[in-house]
Amino acid sequence: MTVSKNMLTMFKVLYWVVLTLAHLFLCYILLSTNRVIAGILWLVSGFILIFIMYYIYFPAGNPSATWPPYISSCPDYLTMIAPHKCVDFVGLNSPLLKRSDPKLRPSPTDTTRVFDSSGTTPDRASRALQYGLTWSGIT
């Protein structure tokens, strides 16, 4: 599922607010328990980590970037059981894909319970739509 620009902006603000508050709280705890060196080291290294992770999760160069910054190996809510083989453990009511029991995994060759996620992007998109599935970044 792609996220709108307003939601992405909200995620960015929440990222900074939550992580900065958590970071400063941890620094306060370290400094108040007389771990001054650890508190100062965490103050510097923690902000560096927050900045690095921000640019990993929210790439700055591409204004049309979507979230998440990767395409999943399986359609939404399916679980990978083998390379390019995905199974529905949730029960999405797909007309061509039956729900599987998580305790009894189907074999990767079972075509009624296993979705094949191999092929090119247009092939995967058409197969997901044929099965009535959504695939973030593809459909």
C-alpha atoms as a PDB file:
ATOM      1  CA  MET A   1       0.000   0.000   0.000  1.00  0.00           C
ATOM      2  CA  THR A   2       1.458   3.329  -0.980  1.00  0.00           C
ATOM      3  CA  VAL A   3       1.163   6.294   1.340  1.00  0.00           C
ATOM      4  CA  SER A   4      -0.013   9.769   0.340  1.00  0.00           C
ATOM      5  CA  LYS A   5       2.301  12.772   0.615  1.00  0.00           C
ATOM      6  CA  ASN A   6       0.400  14.095   3.630  1.00  0.00           C
ATOM      7  CA  MET A   7       0.753  10.767   5.434  1.00  0.00           C
ATOM      8  CA  LEU A   8       4.441  10.603   4.526  1.00  0.00           C
ATOM      9  CA  THR A   9       4.927  14.090   5.974  1.00  0.00           C
ATOM     10  CA  MET A  10       3.117  13.022   9.119  1.00  0.00           C
ATOM     11  CA  PHE A  11       5.350   9.929   9.381  1.00  0.00           C
ATOM     12  CA  LYS A  12       8.437  12.122   9.049  1.00  0.00           C
ATOM     13  CA  VAL A  13       7.262  14.454  11.818  1.00  0.00           C
ATOM     14  CA  LEU A  14       6.355  11.519  14.068  1.00  0.00           C
ATOM     15  CA  TYR A  15       9.754   9.952  13.368  1.00  0.00           C
ATOM     16  CA  TRP A  16      11.593  13.054  14.557  1.00  0.00           C
ATOM     17  CA  VAL A  17       9.360  13.757  17.548  1.00  0.00           C
ATOM     18  CA  VAL A  18       9.184  10.211  18.907  1.00  0.00           C
ATOM     19  CA  LEU A  19      12.816   9.301  18.361  1.00  0.00           C
ATOM     20  CA  THR A  20      14.135  12.620  19.671  1.00  0.00           C
ATOM     21  CA  LEU A  21      12.040  12.338  22.834  1.00  0.00           C
ATOM     22  CA  ALA A  22      13.046   8.705  23.361  1.00  0.00           C
ATOM     23  CA  HIS A  23      16.683   9.569  22.713  1.00  0.00           C
ATOM     24  CA  LEU A  24      16.685  12.481  25.134  1.00  0.00           C
ATOM     25  CA  PHE A  25      14.863  10.401  27.764  1.00  0.00           C
ATOM     26  CA  LEU A  26      17.549   7.714  27.528  1.00  0.00           C
ATOM     27  CA  CYS A  27      20.253  10.399  27.831  1.00  0.00           C
ATOM     28  CA  TYR A  28      18.477  11.784  30.907  1.00  0.00           C
ATOM     29  CA  ILE A  29      18.330   8.313  32.479  1.00  0.00           C
ATOM     30  CA  LEU A  30      22.039   7.739  31.830  1.00  0.00           C
ATOM     31  CA  LEU A  31      23.053  11.144  33.177  1.00  0.00           C
ATOM     32  CA  SER A  32      20.803  10.927  36.231  1.00  0.00           C
ATOM     33  CA  THR A  33      22.297   7.566  37.215  1.00  0.00           C
ATOM     34  CA  ASN A  34      25.825   9.039  37.183  1.00  0.00           C
ATOM     35  CA  ARG A  35      26.813   7.426  33.891  1.00  0.00           C
ATOM     36  CA  VAL A  36      28.078  10.691  32.459  1.00  0.00           C
ATOM     37  CA  ILE A  37      30.462   9.262  29.870  1.00  0.00           C
ATOM     38  CA  ALA A  38      27.858   6.801  28.564  1.00  0.00           C
ATOM     39  CA  GLY A  39      25.257   9.588  28.484  1.00  0.00           C
ATOM     40  CA  ILE A  40      27.481  11.912  26.463  1.00  0.00           C
ATOM     41  CA  LEU A  41      28.553   9.134  24.094  1.00  0.00           C
ATOM     42  CA  TRP A  42      24.921   8.114  23.575  1.00  0.00           C
ATOM     43  CA  LEU A  43      23.889  11.741  23.066  1.00  0.00           C
ATOM     44  CA  VAL A  44      26.286  12.089  20.129  1.00  0.00           C
ATOM     45  CA  SER A  45      26.056   8.593  18.637  1.00  0.00           C
ATOM     46  CA  GLY A  46      22.276   8.400  19.079  1.00  0.00           C
ATOM     47  CA  PHE A  47      21.663  11.553  17.048  1.00  0.00           C
ATOM     48  CA  ILE A  48      24.016  10.266  14.360  1.00  0.00           C
ATOM     49  CA  LEU A  49      22.041   7.008  14.212  1.00  0.00           C
ATOM     50  CA  ILE A  50      18.738   8.880  14.081  1.00  0.00           C
ATOM     51  CA  PHE A  51      19.964  10.930  11.109  1.00  0.00           C
ATOM     52  CA  ILE A  52      21.332   7.882   9.285  1.00  0.00           C
ATOM     53  CA  MET A  53      18.123   5.896   9.776  1.00  0.00           C
ATOM     54  CA  TYR A  54      16.035   8.863   8.647  1.00  0.00           C
ATOM     55  CA  TYR A  55      17.773   8.940   5.278  1.00  0.00           C
ATOM     56  CA  ILE A  56      17.440   5.189   4.920  1.00  0.00           C
ATOM     57  CA  TYR A  57      13.682   5.205   5.612  1.00  0.00           C
ATOM     58  CA  PHE A  58      12.879   8.524   3.950  1.00  0.00           C
ATOM     59  CA  PRO A  59      15.114   8.981   0.877  1.00  0.00           C
ATOM     60  CA  ALA A  60      15.625  12.693   0.178  1.00  0.00           C
ATOM     61  CA  GLY A  61      16.596  12.648  -3.497  1.00  0.00           C
ATOM     62  CA  ASN A  62      13.305  11.439  -4.985  1.00  0.00           C
ATOM     63  CA  PRO A  63      10.230  13.571  -4.203  1.00  0.00           C
ATOM     64  CA  SER A  64       7.939  10.938  -5.710  1.00  0.00           C
ATOM     65  CA  ALA A  65       9.328   8.180  -3.474  1.00  0.00           C
ATOM     66  CA  THR A  66       6.701   5.932  -1.956  1.00  0.00           C
ATOM     67  CA  TRP A  67       6.605   4.190   1.362  1.00  0.00           C
ATOM     68  CA  PRO A  68       7.790   1.536   2.014  1.00  0.00           C
ATOM     69  CA  PRO A  69      10.977   2.104   0.003  1.00  0.00           C
ATOM     70  CA  TYR A  70      11.015  -1.502  -1.265  1.00  0.00           C
ATOM     71  CA  ILE A  71       8.644  -3.892  -3.019  1.00  0.00           C
ATOM     72  CA  SER A  72       7.659  -6.948  -1.025  1.00  0.00           C
ATOM     73  CA  SER A  73       8.422 -10.432  -2.333  1.00  0.00           C
ATOM     74  CA  CYS A  74       4.785 -11.483  -1.925  1.00  0.00           C
ATOM     75  CA  PRO A  75       1.430  -9.755  -2.361  1.00  0.00           C
ATOM     76  CA  ASP A  76       0.004  -7.959   0.661  1.00  0.00           C
ATOM     77  CA  TYR A  77      -0.836 -10.231   3.625  1.00  0.00           C
ATOM     78  CA  LEU A  78       0.693 -13.350   2.030  1.00  0.00           C
ATOM     79  CA  THR A  79       3.612 -15.210   3.613  1.00  0.00           C
ATOM     80  CA  MET A  80       6.609 -16.560   1.713  1.00  0.00           C
ATOM     81  CA  ILE A  81       7.211 -20.283   2.251  1.00  0.00           C
ATOM     82  CA  ALA A  82       9.807 -20.816  -0.498  1.00  0.00           C
ATOM     83  CA  PRO A  83      11.492 -18.598  -3.083  1.00  0.00           C
ATOM     84  CA  HIS A  84       8.725 -17.040  -5.204  1.00  0.00           C
ATOM     85  CA  LYS A  85       6.046 -19.100  -3.416  1.00  0.00           C
ATOM     86  CA  CYS A  86       3.543 -17.313  -1.152  1.00  0.00           C
ATOM     87  CA  VAL A  87       0.699 -18.644   0.979  1.00  0.00           C
ATOM     88  CA  ASP A  88      -2.446 -17.081   2.448  1.00  0.00           C
ATOM     89  CA  PHE A  89      -2.508 -17.799   6.192  1.00  0.00           C
ATOM     90  CA  VAL A  90      -4.911 -14.913   6.915  1.00  0.00           C
ATOM     91  CA  GLY A  91      -7.912 -15.815   4.767  1.00  0.00           C
ATOM     92  CA  LEU A  92      -8.263 -13.067   2.160  1.00  0.00           C
ATOM     93  CA  ASN A  93     -11.193 -14.740   0.367  1.00  0.00           C
ATOM     94  CA  SER A  94      -9.362 -14.799  -2.946  1.00  0.00           C
ATOM     95  CA  PRO A  95     -11.385 -16.713  -5.568  1.00  0.00           C
ATOM     96  CA  LEU A  96      -8.359 -18.730  -6.774  1.00  0.00           C
ATOM     97  CA  LEU A  97      -6.272 -19.005  -3.602  1.00  0.00           C
ATOM     98  CA  LYS A  98      -7.453 -21.081  -0.645  1.00  0.00           C
ATOM     99  CA  ARG A  99      -6.520 -20.235   2.935  1.00  0.00           C
ATOM    100  CA  SER A 100      -3.844 -22.461   4.471  1.00  0.00           C
ATOM    101  CA  ASP A 101      -3.417 -23.577   8.043  1.00  0.00           C
ATOM    102  CA  PRO A 102      -0.166 -22.177   9.510  1.00  0.00           C
ATOM    103  CA  LYS A 103       0.453 -25.484  11.296  1.00  0.00           C
ATOM    104  CA  LEU A 104       0.139 -27.506   8.077  1.00  0.00           C
ATOM    105  CA  ARG A 105       2.166 -25.726   5.421  1.00  0.00           C
ATOM    106  CA  PRO A 106       1.287 -26.725   1.862  1.00  0.00           C
ATOM    107  CA  SER A 107       3.936 -27.938  -0.532  1.00  0.00           C
ATOM    108  CA  PRO A 108       5.247 -25.259  -2.930  1.00  0.00           C
ATOM    109  CA  THR A 109       3.753 -27.184  -5.866  1.00  0.00           C
ATOM    110  CA  ASP A 110       0.163 -26.978  -4.549  1.00  0.00           C
ATOM    111  CA  THR A 111      -1.418 -24.582  -7.061  1.00  0.00           C
ATOM    112  CA  THR A 112      -4.676 -24.152  -5.110  1.00  0.00           C
ATOM    113  CA  ARG A 113      -2.947 -22.856  -1.966  1.00  0.00           C
ATOM    114  CA  VAL A 114       0.337 -21.372  -3.231  1.00  0.00           C
ATOM    115  CA  PHE A 115       0.722 -18.127  -5.166  1.00  0.00           C
ATOM    116  CA  ASP A 116       3.657 -17.966  -7.607  1.00  0.00           C
ATOM    117  CA  SER A 117       5.347 -14.557  -7.302  1.00  0.00           C
ATOM    118  CA  SER A 118       8.008 -15.056  -9.976  1.00  0.00           C
ATOM    119  CA  GLY A 119       8.233 -13.303 -13.318  1.00  0.00           C
ATOM    120  CA  THR A 120       8.409  -9.723 -14.519  1.00  0.00           C
ATOM    121  CA  THR A 121       6.557  -6.895 -12.819  1.00  0.00           C
ATOM    122  CA  PRO A 122       3.689  -6.839 -15.372  1.00  0.00           C
ATOM    123  CA  ASP A 123       3.316 -10.627 -15.044  1.00  0.00           C
ATOM    124  CA  ARG A 124       3.205 -10.421 -11.255  1.00  0.00           C
ATOM    125  CA  ALA A 125       0.718  -7.529 -11.391  1.00  0.00           C
ATOM    126  CA  SER A 126      -1.655  -9.323 -13.748  1.00  0.00           C
ATOM    127  CA  ARG A 127      -1.410 -12.553 -11.714  1.00  0.00           C
ATOM    128  CA  ALA A 128      -2.145 -10.686  -8.463  1.00  0.00           C
ATOM    129  CA  LEU A 129      -5.163  -8.951 -10.025  1.00  0.00           C
ATOM    130  CA  GLN A 130      -6.368 -12.292 -11.419  1.00  0.00           C
ATOM    131  CA  TYR A 131      -6.259 -13.719  -7.890  1.00  0.00           C
ATOM    132  CA  GLY A 132      -7.975 -10.639  -6.470  1.00  0.00           C
ATOM    133  CA  LEU A 133      -4.914  -9.575  -4.430  1.00  0.00           C
ATOM    134  CA  THR A 134      -3.226  -6.238  -3.840  1.00  0.00           C
ATOM    135  CA  TRP A 135       0.532  -5.841  -4.035  1.00  0.00           C
ATOM    136  CA  SER A 136       2.049  -2.643  -2.733  1.00  0.00           C
ATOM    137  CA  GLY A 137       4.229  -1.049  -5.386  1.00  0.00           C
ATOM    138  CA  ILE A 138       3.029  -3.424  -8.145  1.00  0.00           C
ATOM    139  CA  THR A 139      -0.778  -3.236  -8.417  1.00  0.00           C
END
